[in-house]
Protein backbone atom coordinates (compact mmCIF):
# COMPACT_ATOMS: atom_id res chain seq x y z
CA MET A 1 61.54 44.78 133.76
CA ARG A 2 62.50 48.13 132.32
CA VAL A 3 65.49 48.62 130.00
CA LEU A 4 67.33 51.76 129.00
CA LEU A 5 68.67 51.43 125.45
CA VAL A 6 71.22 54.06 124.41
CA GLU A 7 71.98 53.55 120.72
CA ASP A 8 72.44 56.19 118.00
CA ASP A 9 71.63 53.90 115.05
CA ALA A 10 67.88 54.54 114.79
CA ASP A 11 67.11 51.40 112.78
CA LEU A 12 69.11 49.17 115.08
CA ALA A 13 67.60 50.78 118.18
CA ALA A 14 64.11 50.29 116.81
CA GLY A 15 64.81 46.64 116.04
CA ILE A 16 66.28 45.94 119.46
CA ALA A 17 63.41 47.74 121.22
CA ARG A 18 60.85 45.78 119.20
CA ALA A 19 62.56 42.47 120.09
CA LEU A 20 62.80 43.34 123.79
CA ARG A 21 59.14 44.41 123.93
CA ALA A 22 58.20 41.10 122.33
CA GLU A 23 59.86 39.49 125.37
CA HIS A 24 57.73 41.71 127.68
CA PHE A 25 60.46 44.23 128.58
CA ALA A 26 59.53 47.90 128.91
CA VAL A 27 62.06 49.87 126.83
CA ASP A 28 63.11 53.53 126.81
CA VAL A 29 65.33 54.56 123.91
CA ALA A 30 67.87 57.38 123.79
CA THR A 31 69.70 58.10 120.53
CA ASN A 32 72.46 60.31 121.92
CA GLY A 33 74.75 60.28 124.93
CA GLU A 34 73.35 63.39 126.53
CA ASP A 35 69.80 62.05 126.73
CA GLY A 36 70.98 58.58 127.65
CA GLY A 37 73.17 59.81 130.47
CA HIS A 38 70.33 61.91 131.86
CA LEU A 39 67.78 59.07 131.76
CA GLY A 40 70.17 56.65 133.42
CA SER A 41 70.86 59.18 136.18
CA THR A 42 67.25 60.11 136.93
CA GLU A 43 64.98 57.16 136.04
CA ALA A 44 64.61 53.66 137.51
CA TYR A 45 65.81 50.84 135.26
CA ASP A 46 66.55 47.16 135.80
CA VAL A 47 69.34 47.17 133.21
CA ALA A 48 70.91 49.41 130.57
CA VAL A 49 72.25 48.68 127.07
CA LEU A 50 74.88 51.28 126.21
CA ASP A 51 76.69 51.98 122.94
CA LEU A 52 80.13 53.56 123.14
CA GLY A 53 80.33 55.72 120.03
CA LEU A 54 77.46 58.14 120.69
CA PRO A 55 76.81 61.72 119.54
CA ARG A 56 77.04 64.53 122.15
CA ARG A 57 78.67 62.29 124.71
CA ASP A 58 80.52 58.98 124.62
CA GLY A 59 79.39 55.87 126.43
CA ILE A 60 82.45 55.45 128.65
CA SER A 61 82.02 58.89 130.21
CA ILE A 62 78.32 58.20 130.80
CA LEU A 63 79.03 54.90 132.51
CA ALA A 64 81.86 56.39 134.60
CA GLU A 65 79.55 59.13 135.81
CA TRP A 66 76.78 56.68 136.67
CA ARG A 67 79.18 54.68 138.80
CA ALA A 68 80.76 57.74 140.39
CA THR A 69 77.34 58.95 141.51
CA GLY A 70 76.34 55.57 142.94
CA ARG A 71 74.13 54.26 140.12
CA THR A 72 74.34 50.48 140.41
CA LEU A 73 72.06 49.32 137.58
CA PRO A 74 73.62 46.54 135.50
CA VAL A 75 75.09 47.85 132.24
CA LEU A 76 75.78 45.87 129.07
CA ILE A 77 78.00 47.63 126.55
CA LEU A 78 76.83 47.03 122.98
CA THR A 79 79.37 48.28 120.44
CA ALA A 80 81.20 47.66 117.19
CA ARG A 81 84.49 48.17 119.00
CA ASP A 82 86.01 44.72 119.51
CA ALA A 83 89.58 45.60 120.49
CA TRP A 84 90.74 44.20 123.81
CA SER A 85 91.68 47.71 124.99
CA ASP A 86 88.11 48.93 124.41
CA LYS A 87 86.74 46.05 126.45
CA VAL A 88 89.19 46.74 129.26
CA GLN A 89 88.22 50.40 129.25
CA GLY A 90 84.52 49.49 129.40
CA PHE A 91 84.91 47.11 132.31
CA LYS A 92 87.13 49.55 134.19
CA ALA A 93 84.41 52.19 133.81
CA GLY A 94 81.94 49.81 135.47
CA ALA A 95 80.36 47.66 132.75
CA ASP A 96 78.85 44.31 133.77
CA ASP A 97 78.85 42.71 130.31
CA TYR A 98 80.09 43.44 126.79
CA LEU A 99 78.56 42.38 123.46
CA VAL A 100 80.11 43.17 120.09
CA LYS A 101 78.12 44.01 116.96
CA PRO A 102 76.94 42.23 114.92
CA PHE A 103 75.09 40.04 117.39
CA ARG A 104 72.02 37.85 117.77
CA VAL A 105 69.12 39.51 119.54
CA GLU A 106 68.39 36.24 121.32
CA GLU A 107 71.84 36.40 122.93
CA LEU A 108 71.26 39.99 124.01
CA VAL A 109 67.96 39.03 125.65
CA MET A 110 69.57 36.12 127.53
CA ARG A 111 72.44 38.29 128.73
CA LEU A 112 70.07 41.01 129.97
CA ARG A 113 67.94 38.52 131.83
CA ALA A 114 71.04 37.06 133.50
CA LEU A 115 72.21 40.53 134.55
CA VAL A 116 68.86 41.38 136.10
CA ARG A 117 68.67 38.03 137.88
CA ARG A 118 72.16 38.33 139.37
CA ALA A 119 71.57 41.96 140.37
CA ALA A 120 68.54 40.76 142.34
CA GLY A 121 70.73 38.28 144.20
CA HIS A 122 69.67 35.01 142.53
CA ALA A 123 72.42 32.61 141.51
CA ALA A 124 70.12 29.93 140.05
CA SER A 125 68.03 30.65 136.97
CA ILE A 126 64.92 28.93 138.41
CA ILE A 127 63.26 30.94 141.17
CA ARG A 128 60.40 29.39 143.13
CA CYS A 129 57.76 30.74 145.46
CA GLY A 130 55.19 28.18 146.50
CA PRO A 131 53.49 26.75 143.37
CA ILE A 132 55.01 29.47 141.14
CA ALA A 133 58.25 28.83 139.25
CA PHE A 134 60.02 31.53 137.23
CA ASP A 135 62.77 30.64 134.79
CA ALA A 136 64.64 33.94 134.85
CA GLN A 137 66.75 32.84 131.88
CA THR A 138 63.90 32.11 129.49
CA GLY A 139 61.31 34.40 131.05
CA GLN A 140 58.77 31.56 131.44
CA PHE A 141 56.40 31.22 134.41
CA GLU A 142 54.77 27.99 135.61
CA LEU A 143 52.02 27.43 138.14
CA ASP A 144 51.84 23.94 139.63
CA GLY A 145 54.07 22.75 136.79
CA MET A 146 51.86 24.17 134.03
CA PRO A 147 52.73 27.17 131.82
CA LEU A 148 51.26 30.41 133.09
CA LYS A 149 49.89 32.74 130.41
CA LEU A 150 50.49 36.40 131.19
CA THR A 151 50.11 39.70 129.40
CA ALA A 152 53.21 41.91 129.06
CA PHE A 153 52.13 44.09 131.99
CA GLU A 154 51.28 41.09 134.16
CA TRP A 155 54.67 39.55 133.34
CA ARG A 156 56.53 42.72 134.31
CA VAL A 157 54.73 43.00 137.65
CA LEU A 158 55.07 39.33 138.54
CA SER A 159 58.72 39.09 137.49
CA CYS A 160 59.55 42.12 139.63
CA LEU A 161 57.74 40.62 142.62
CA MET A 162 59.25 37.20 141.99
CA LEU A 163 62.81 38.53 141.88
CA ARG A 164 62.12 40.17 145.26
CA LYS A 165 59.92 37.48 146.76
CA GLU A 166 58.96 37.99 150.42
CA ILE A 167 60.11 41.61 150.18
CA VAL A 168 57.75 44.57 149.96
CA VAL A 169 58.11 46.27 146.58
CA GLU A 170 57.10 49.90 146.78
CA ARG A 171 54.19 50.91 144.55
CA LEU A 172 56.20 53.64 142.82
CA ASP A 173 59.06 51.22 142.19
CA LEU A 174 56.67 48.79 140.51
CA LEU A 175 55.13 51.55 138.40
CA GLU A 176 58.57 52.72 137.24
CA ARG A 177 59.52 49.21 136.13
CA VAL A 178 56.24 48.34 134.43
CA TYR A 179 55.69 51.36 132.20
CA GLU A 180 57.90 53.07 129.66
CA GLY A 181 58.83 56.69 130.25
CA ASP A 182 56.35 58.20 127.81
CA ALA A 183 53.39 56.03 128.89
CA ASP A 184 50.13 57.67 129.94
CA VAL A 185 49.47 55.76 133.17
CA ASP A 186 46.06 55.60 134.78
CA SER A 187 46.17 55.96 138.57
CA ASN A 188 44.44 52.61 139.13
CA SER A 189 46.26 50.63 136.45
CA LEU A 190 48.64 48.84 138.79
CA GLU A 191 45.78 47.70 141.02
CA VAL A 192 44.01 46.34 137.98
CA ILE A 193 47.10 44.34 136.94
CA VAL A 194 47.60 42.98 140.45
CA GLY A 195 43.91 41.99 140.55
CA ARG A 196 44.27 40.02 137.34
CA LEU A 197 47.38 38.31 138.66
CA ARG A 198 45.59 37.29 141.84
CA ARG A 199 42.90 35.60 139.79
CA LYS A 200 45.59 33.66 137.92
CA ILE A 201 47.94 32.64 140.75
CA GLY A 202 45.66 32.74 143.80
CA PRO A 203 44.27 35.66 145.81
CA ASP A 204 46.59 35.20 148.80
CA ARG A 205 49.90 35.10 146.90
CA ILE A 206 50.25 38.88 146.47
CA GLU A 207 49.83 40.79 149.70
CA THR A 208 48.92 44.47 149.75
CA VAL A 209 51.03 46.36 152.30
CA ARG A 210 48.98 49.46 152.99
CA GLY A 211 50.74 52.71 152.26
CA ARG A 212 53.73 50.96 150.71
CA GLY A 213 53.18 48.43 147.96
CA TYR A 214 53.00 44.69 147.34
CA ARG A 215 54.73 41.49 148.41
CA LEU A 216 54.77 38.08 146.76
CA THR A 217 54.68 35.42 149.44
CA GLU A 218 54.21 31.72 150.02
CA HIS A 219 53.17 32.39 153.63
CA ALA A 220 54.88 29.23 154.88
CA SER A 221 58.26 29.34 153.19
CA CYS A 222 59.77 30.36 149.86
CA ALA A 223 62.34 28.04 148.28
């Protein structure tokens, strides 16, 4: 899962990014509205965290532009503004959630996971595909009822495939959601990650769809 964080407080942004990366999220940080608006308009993200009081451009105008141009990524507004009128303005502009500073990072993580899960069309927090269970609220994977240990990159790939189980996920789409914007990506890195996942969950669980990408499947049925 890849997050766009638009926050002008450098220390706060660094702390949030560090906490999200510890939970296996890929994070791109913008410290002004101009850069944040551009990234949200041109890059692929699973969710965005957007401050309102930003230099160069305010968060409401950024969000309104994203929605006007058809950008549907879930957006959580993170701001010190706690007046009801500010919240109404944010939701009218197209926000999906609203969190007031100060806040607990744990709550932010849970809210982001819920936004991503709902955007993928899953009402329940537990998603199953054969012997694999993914708790989209805690981020934990199980295989045959036992905890599944994954690296950050493995987690990002498997969570993306799990949220779209039985659907082909394009290779470029996976790459965009696994790596941060400034990452130096080797051309074979995704294949290496998928290979490691196959060794952990079974070689027939992730299908390669030639010329397109990958699909997580149970073969018989997916609950």
